[in-house]
Structures are given as C-alpha cells and as structure tokens.
Amino acid sequence: MKNTVIIGATTNTSRYAYIAAEMLFENKIPFTPVGIKKGSVFGKEILDLNDKPIIDDVDTITLYIGPRHQPEWYDYLISLKPKRIIFNPGTENIDLAKLAQENNIETVNACTLVMISTKQY
C-alpha cells in the first residue's frame, strides 16, 4: 500500500499535520511521521528530520513546513523519490515544485485533509 511521509509531523493535536496523521491512520493509509519534535502519533514514532531518515517506497510527501524552512531539506525530500509532493496551504513553493518536477515528481497544491475526506487521495 502507498506510504505517505508527513514532513512537519507533530504531537500537537491542534496542528494540521497531526490531523493529517489521524486521518491517514483512520483511513488505513500507511504513513511515516517526520519532524523536528520528538514524540509519537497513532503508535508511530516521529522520525527526526535532522537525521534525514532513509524511508523506502514513498508514494507521497505531504508538506507541513513553510517555504522559508524548506530549502535546507530540498535534497532530502527529492532523495526520498516520492511519486508526488502535496503542498498544503501555506507551504506552496515554486522553487521546490520546479525541482520536484525536474525529478519526475508530481506536485499538487492542495489540502491533504480535503483530499482524504473527499476520497481524492
């Protein structure tokens, strides 16, 4: 089944990245949470983004970090070889989108939460 990597994962229940993890979990969509804060979400340990963890078989990256914090992670995100990157509202980044497209990665400006709830995921 398709694996989604949540970049910007958090244990803060009021954040959209947490709600995305919850929706992925409830819809039985495999996910890997990656962030800068320690903790776990829905039984999965949040991997430390600073360690640039190796993750295999990535279908989707859903971004929850803003564009000004993204450049240091460009190479890492591309190295995961996702089929697509979802730029959630507030994370849109023309430079990263262009780099992704140059690496044959589909880019989508959309809301993961809406995509899941409307069965477009």
N, C-alpha and C. Protein backbone atom coordinates (compact mmCIF):
# COMPACT_ATOMS: atom_id res chain seq x y z
N MET A 1 0.84 -1.19 0.00
CA MET A 1 0.00 0.00 0.00
C MET A 1 0.88 1.25 0.00
N LYS A 2 0.34 2.34 -0.48
CA LYS A 2 1.07 3.59 -0.63
C LYS A 2 1.49 4.16 0.72
N ASN A 3 2.76 4.55 0.84
CA ASN A 3 3.28 5.15 2.06
C ASN A 3 3.34 6.66 1.90
N THR A 4 2.79 7.36 2.87
CA THR A 4 2.84 8.82 2.89
C THR A 4 3.80 9.28 3.98
N VAL A 5 4.70 10.19 3.63
CA VAL A 5 5.61 10.77 4.61
C VAL A 5 5.08 12.15 4.98
N ILE A 6 4.82 12.34 6.25
CA ILE A 6 4.36 13.63 6.76
C ILE A 6 5.59 14.42 7.19
N ILE A 7 5.93 15.46 6.43
CA ILE A 7 7.07 16.30 6.79
C ILE A 7 6.53 17.47 7.61
N GLY A 8 6.99 17.53 8.87
CA GLY A 8 6.49 18.53 9.80
C GLY A 8 5.53 17.90 10.80
N ALA A 9 5.64 16.58 10.97
CA ALA A 9 4.77 15.85 11.90
C ALA A 9 4.94 16.40 13.32
N THR A 10 3.87 16.33 14.08
CA THR A 10 3.87 16.88 15.43
C THR A 10 2.88 16.12 16.31
N THR A 11 3.10 16.22 17.60
CA THR A 11 2.15 15.64 18.56
C THR A 11 1.10 16.67 18.99
N ASN A 12 1.23 17.89 18.50
CA ASN A 12 0.29 18.97 18.85
C ASN A 12 -1.04 18.72 18.13
N THR A 13 -2.06 18.37 18.90
CA THR A 13 -3.34 17.97 18.33
C THR A 13 -4.07 19.10 17.60
N SER A 14 -3.63 20.34 17.77
CA SER A 14 -4.30 21.45 17.09
C SER A 14 -3.67 21.77 15.73
N ARG A 15 -2.60 21.06 15.37
CA ARG A 15 -1.92 21.33 14.11
C ARG A 15 -2.47 20.43 13.00
N TYR A 16 -2.47 20.97 11.78
CA TYR A 16 -2.99 20.21 10.65
C TYR A 16 -2.16 18.95 10.37
N ALA A 17 -0.86 18.99 10.63
CA ALA A 17 -0.03 17.80 10.42
C ALA A 17 -0.49 16.66 11.32
N TYR A 18 -0.91 16.97 12.53
CA TYR A 18 -1.43 15.94 13.44
C TYR A 18 -2.76 15.40 12.91
N ILE A 19 -3.61 16.30 12.47
CA ILE A 19 -4.92 15.88 11.94
C ILE A 19 -4.73 15.02 10.70
N ALA A 20 -3.73 15.35 9.88
CA ALA A 20 -3.44 14.53 8.70
C ALA A 20 -3.03 13.12 9.13
N ALA A 21 -2.18 13.02 10.15
CA ALA A 21 -1.78 11.70 10.66
C ALA A 21 -3.01 10.93 11.14
N GLU A 22 -3.89 11.62 11.83
CA GLU A 22 -5.11 10.99 12.33
C GLU A 22 -5.98 10.47 11.19
N MET A 23 -6.15 11.29 10.16
CA MET A 23 -6.98 10.88 9.02
C MET A 23 -6.34 9.73 8.24
N LEU A 24 -5.03 9.79 8.06
CA LEU A 24 -4.34 8.70 7.38
C LEU A 24 -4.51 7.41 8.18
N PHE A 25 -4.33 7.50 9.49
CA PHE A 25 -4.49 6.34 10.38
C PHE A 25 -5.90 5.78 10.29
N GLU A 26 -6.90 6.64 10.40
CA GLU A 26 -8.30 6.21 10.37
C GLU A 26 -8.69 5.58 9.04
N ASN A 27 -8.05 6.04 7.96
CA ASN A 27 -8.36 5.52 6.63
C ASN A 27 -7.41 4.39 6.22
N LYS A 28 -6.63 3.93 7.19
CA LYS A 28 -5.71 2.80 6.98
C LYS A 28 -4.72 3.04 5.84
N ILE A 29 -4.27 4.29 5.72
CA ILE A 29 -3.25 4.65 4.73
C ILE A 29 -1.92 4.69 5.47
N PRO A 30 -0.96 3.86 5.08
CA PRO A 30 0.33 3.84 5.77
C PRO A 30 1.01 5.20 5.73
N PHE A 31 1.62 5.60 6.85
CA PHE A 31 2.32 6.88 6.88
C PHE A 31 3.53 6.79 7.78
N THR A 32 4.47 7.67 7.51
CA THR A 32 5.68 7.80 8.31
C THR A 32 5.78 9.26 8.74
N PRO A 33 5.70 9.53 10.05
CA PRO A 33 5.81 10.91 10.52
C PRO A 33 7.28 11.32 10.68
N VAL A 34 7.61 12.49 10.13
CA VAL A 34 8.97 13.02 10.22
C VAL A 34 8.85 14.48 10.66
N GLY A 35 9.61 14.85 11.68
CA GLY A 35 9.54 16.21 12.18
C GLY A 35 10.75 16.56 13.02
N ILE A 36 10.70 17.74 13.63
CA ILE A 36 11.83 18.17 14.45
C ILE A 36 11.56 17.99 15.94
N LYS A 37 10.33 17.65 16.29
CA LYS A 37 9.98 17.44 17.69
C LYS A 37 9.77 15.96 17.95
N LYS A 38 10.26 15.52 19.10
CA LYS A 38 10.14 14.10 19.47
C LYS A 38 8.71 13.77 19.88
N GLY A 39 8.39 12.50 19.79
CA GLY A 39 7.08 12.03 20.21
C GLY A 39 6.57 10.97 19.26
N SER A 40 5.31 10.61 19.44
CA SER A 40 4.71 9.65 18.53
C SER A 40 3.27 10.05 18.24
N VAL A 41 2.81 9.64 17.09
CA VAL A 41 1.42 9.88 16.67
C VAL A 41 0.83 8.56 16.20
N PHE A 42 -0.26 8.20 16.81
CA PHE A 42 -1.01 6.99 16.43
C PHE A 42 -0.10 5.76 16.36
N GLY A 43 0.75 5.65 17.40
CA GLY A 43 1.61 4.49 17.53
C GLY A 43 2.87 4.51 16.69
N LYS A 44 3.11 5.61 16.00
CA LYS A 44 4.31 5.71 15.16
C LYS A 44 5.22 6.80 15.71
N GLU A 45 6.47 6.43 15.94
CA GLU A 45 7.46 7.38 16.43
C GLU A 45 7.76 8.42 15.35
N ILE A 46 7.82 9.68 15.75
CA ILE A 46 8.18 10.74 14.80
C ILE A 46 9.69 10.67 14.57
N LEU A 47 10.07 10.40 13.32
CA LEU A 47 11.49 10.33 12.97
C LEU A 47 12.05 11.75 12.92
N ASP A 48 13.30 11.90 13.33
CA ASP A 48 13.93 13.22 13.40
C ASP A 48 14.34 13.69 12.01
N LEU A 49 13.74 14.77 11.57
CA LEU A 49 14.03 15.34 10.25
C LEU A 49 15.52 15.67 10.12
N ASN A 50 16.14 16.12 11.22
CA ASN A 50 17.56 16.46 11.17
C ASN A 50 18.44 15.27 10.83
N ASP A 51 17.96 14.06 11.11
CA ASP A 51 18.71 12.84 10.78
C ASP A 51 18.53 12.43 9.32
N LYS A 52 17.61 13.09 8.62
CA LYS A 52 17.30 12.75 7.24
C LYS A 52 17.13 11.24 7.08
N PRO A 53 16.13 10.69 7.78
CA PRO A 53 15.97 9.23 7.79
C PRO A 53 15.69 8.67 6.40
N ILE A 54 16.26 7.50 6.16
CA ILE A 54 16.02 6.79 4.90
C ILE A 54 14.65 6.12 5.00
N ILE A 55 13.80 6.38 4.04
CA ILE A 55 12.46 5.81 4.01
C ILE A 55 12.25 5.24 2.61
N ASP A 56 11.90 3.97 2.55
CA ASP A 56 11.70 3.30 1.26
C ASP A 56 10.24 3.36 0.82
N ASP A 57 10.04 3.18 -0.46
CA ASP A 57 8.71 3.06 -1.05
C ASP A 57 7.78 4.23 -0.70
N VAL A 58 8.28 5.44 -0.92
CA VAL A 58 7.49 6.63 -0.63
C VAL A 58 6.60 6.94 -1.82
N ASP A 59 5.31 6.95 -1.59
CA ASP A 59 4.37 7.34 -2.63
C ASP A 59 4.17 8.85 -2.60
N THR A 60 3.90 9.39 -1.41
CA THR A 60 3.53 10.79 -1.26
C THR A 60 4.29 11.44 -0.11
N ILE A 61 4.74 12.66 -0.34
CA ILE A 61 5.20 13.52 0.75
C ILE A 61 4.12 14.58 0.91
N THR A 62 3.62 14.75 2.14
CA THR A 62 2.70 15.83 2.41
C THR A 62 3.44 16.82 3.30
N LEU A 63 3.56 18.05 2.82
CA LEU A 63 4.38 19.06 3.48
C LEU A 63 3.59 19.89 4.48
N TYR A 64 4.18 20.04 5.67
CA TYR A 64 3.62 20.91 6.69
C TYR A 64 4.69 21.82 7.28
N ILE A 65 5.69 22.17 6.46
CA ILE A 65 6.66 23.18 6.87
C ILE A 65 6.64 24.28 5.82
N GLY A 66 6.72 25.50 6.28
CA GLY A 66 6.61 26.66 5.40
C GLY A 66 7.78 26.80 4.45
N PRO A 67 7.56 27.56 3.38
CA PRO A 67 8.57 27.70 2.33
C PRO A 67 9.92 28.24 2.80
N ARG A 68 9.91 29.09 3.81
CA ARG A 68 11.21 29.65 4.22
C ARG A 68 12.06 28.63 4.96
N HIS A 69 11.45 27.54 5.46
CA HIS A 69 12.20 26.50 6.14
C HIS A 69 12.49 25.30 5.24
N GLN A 70 11.99 25.32 4.02
CA GLN A 70 12.14 24.17 3.13
C GLN A 70 13.49 24.03 2.44
N PRO A 71 14.17 25.13 2.06
CA PRO A 71 15.39 24.97 1.24
C PRO A 71 16.43 24.01 1.80
N GLU A 72 16.63 23.99 3.11
CA GLU A 72 17.66 23.10 3.66
C GLU A 72 17.28 21.62 3.50
N TRP A 73 16.01 21.35 3.17
CA TRP A 73 15.55 19.97 3.05
C TRP A 73 15.30 19.55 1.61
N TYR A 74 15.52 20.43 0.64
CA TYR A 74 15.26 20.11 -0.78
C TYR A 74 15.88 18.78 -1.18
N ASP A 75 17.19 18.64 -0.97
CA ASP A 75 17.90 17.44 -1.42
C ASP A 75 17.34 16.19 -0.73
N TYR A 76 17.04 16.32 0.55
CA TYR A 76 16.50 15.18 1.29
C TYR A 76 15.14 14.77 0.72
N LEU A 77 14.26 15.73 0.52
CA LEU A 77 12.91 15.43 0.01
C LEU A 77 12.99 14.75 -1.35
N ILE A 78 13.83 15.26 -2.22
CA ILE A 78 13.99 14.66 -3.56
C ILE A 78 14.59 13.26 -3.44
N SER A 79 15.51 13.06 -2.47
CA SER A 79 16.17 11.76 -2.32
C SER A 79 15.19 10.66 -1.90
N LEU A 80 14.06 11.03 -1.33
CA LEU A 80 13.06 10.03 -0.94
C LEU A 80 12.34 9.43 -2.15
N LYS A 81 12.51 10.08 -3.30
CA LYS A 81 11.93 9.61 -4.56
C LYS A 81 10.41 9.36 -4.47
N PRO A 82 9.68 10.36 -3.98
CA PRO A 82 8.23 10.19 -3.93
C PRO A 82 7.63 10.28 -5.33
N LYS A 83 6.43 9.74 -5.46
CA LYS A 83 5.72 9.90 -6.73
C LYS A 83 5.10 11.29 -6.80
N ARG A 84 4.73 11.84 -5.61
CA ARG A 84 4.16 13.19 -5.59
C ARG A 84 4.47 13.89 -4.28
N ILE A 85 4.43 15.21 -4.35
CA ILE A 85 4.54 16.06 -3.17
C ILE A 85 3.28 16.91 -3.10
N ILE A 86 2.62 16.87 -1.96
CA ILE A 86 1.45 17.71 -1.74
C ILE A 86 1.89 18.94 -0.96
N PHE A 87 1.69 20.10 -1.57
CA PHE A 87 1.96 21.37 -0.92
C PHE A 87 0.65 21.82 -0.27
N ASN A 88 0.55 21.60 1.04
CA ASN A 88 -0.64 22.02 1.76
C ASN A 88 -0.69 23.55 1.83
N PRO A 89 -1.87 24.14 2.07
CA PRO A 89 -1.98 25.60 2.13
C PRO A 89 -0.91 26.21 3.05
N GLY A 90 -0.20 27.18 2.52
CA GLY A 90 0.85 27.85 3.27
C GLY A 90 2.23 27.26 3.05
N THR A 91 2.31 26.13 2.34
CA THR A 91 3.62 25.50 2.09
C THR A 91 4.03 25.61 0.62
N GLU A 92 3.21 26.23 -0.19
CA GLU A 92 3.48 26.32 -1.63
C GLU A 92 4.85 26.97 -1.85
N ASN A 93 5.61 26.39 -2.81
CA ASN A 93 6.97 26.84 -3.06
C ASN A 93 7.32 26.55 -4.51
N ILE A 94 7.40 27.58 -5.30
CA ILE A 94 7.67 27.43 -6.74
C ILE A 94 9.02 26.76 -6.98
N ASP A 95 10.03 27.13 -6.20
CA ASP A 95 11.37 26.56 -6.41
C ASP A 95 11.40 25.06 -6.14
N LEU A 96 10.80 24.64 -5.03
CA LEU A 96 10.78 23.21 -4.72
C LEU A 96 9.90 22.46 -5.72
N ALA A 97 8.79 23.06 -6.12
CA ALA A 97 7.91 22.42 -7.10
C ALA A 97 8.66 22.20 -8.42
N LYS A 98 9.43 23.20 -8.84
CA LYS A 98 10.19 23.08 -10.09
C LYS A 98 11.24 21.98 -9.97
N LEU A 99 11.95 21.96 -8.84
CA LEU A 99 12.96 20.92 -8.61
C LEU A 99 12.32 19.53 -8.62
N ALA A 100 11.18 19.42 -7.98
CA ALA A 100 10.47 18.13 -7.95
C ALA A 100 10.09 17.70 -9.36
N GLN A 101 9.52 18.61 -10.12
CA GLN A 101 9.08 18.28 -11.47
C GLN A 101 10.26 17.89 -12.36
N GLU A 102 11.41 18.53 -12.15
CA GLU A 102 12.62 18.16 -12.90
C GLU A 102 13.07 16.74 -12.56
N ASN A 103 12.63 16.24 -11.41
CA ASN A 103 12.97 14.88 -10.98
C ASN A 103 11.79 13.92 -11.15
N ASN A 104 10.89 14.29 -12.05
CA ASN A 104 9.72 13.46 -12.38
C ASN A 104 8.82 13.16 -11.18
N ILE A 105 8.68 14.16 -10.31
CA ILE A 105 7.81 14.05 -9.14
C ILE A 105 6.61 14.97 -9.38
N GLU A 106 5.43 14.41 -9.28
CA GLU A 106 4.21 15.20 -9.44
C GLU A 106 4.09 16.16 -8.25
N THR A 107 3.64 17.37 -8.52
CA THR A 107 3.40 18.32 -7.44
C THR A 107 1.93 18.71 -7.45
N VAL A 108 1.38 18.84 -6.25
CA VAL A 108 -0.03 19.16 -6.11
C VAL A 108 -0.17 20.25 -5.04
N ASN A 109 -0.81 21.35 -5.40
CA ASN A 109 -1.16 22.37 -4.42
C ASN A 109 -2.57 22.05 -3.95
N ALA A 110 -2.67 21.45 -2.77
CA ALA A 110 -3.97 21.00 -2.27
C ALA A 110 -3.87 20.79 -0.77
N CYS A 111 -4.99 20.44 -0.18
CA CYS A 111 -5.05 20.15 1.25
C CYS A 111 -5.23 18.64 1.42
N THR A 112 -4.27 18.03 2.07
CA THR A 112 -4.34 16.58 2.31
C THR A 112 -5.64 16.21 3.01
N LEU A 113 -6.05 17.01 3.98
CA LEU A 113 -7.27 16.71 4.74
C LEU A 113 -8.49 16.67 3.83
N VAL A 114 -8.58 17.62 2.93
CA VAL A 114 -9.71 17.67 1.98
C VAL A 114 -9.61 16.51 1.01
N MET A 115 -8.41 16.23 0.53
CA MET A 115 -8.22 15.13 -0.42
C MET A 115 -8.66 13.80 0.19
N ILE A 116 -8.30 13.56 1.44
CA ILE A 116 -8.70 12.30 2.09
C ILE A 116 -10.20 12.27 2.31
N SER A 117 -10.75 13.37 2.82
CA SER A 117 -12.18 13.37 3.17
C SER A 117 -13.09 13.29 1.94
N THR A 118 -12.57 13.70 0.78
CA THR A 118 -13.38 13.64 -0.44
C THR A 118 -12.98 12.45 -1.33
N LYS A 119 -12.18 11.54 -0.77
CA LYS A 119 -11.73 10.33 -1.47
C LYS A 119 -10.93 10.62 -2.73
N GLN A 120 -10.20 11.75 -2.73
CA GLN A 120 -9.33 12.08 -3.86
C GLN A 120 -7.88 11.73 -3.58
N TYR A 121 -7.64 11.13 -2.44
CA TYR A 121 -6.29 10.79 -2.04
C TYR A 121 -5.90 9.49 -2.69
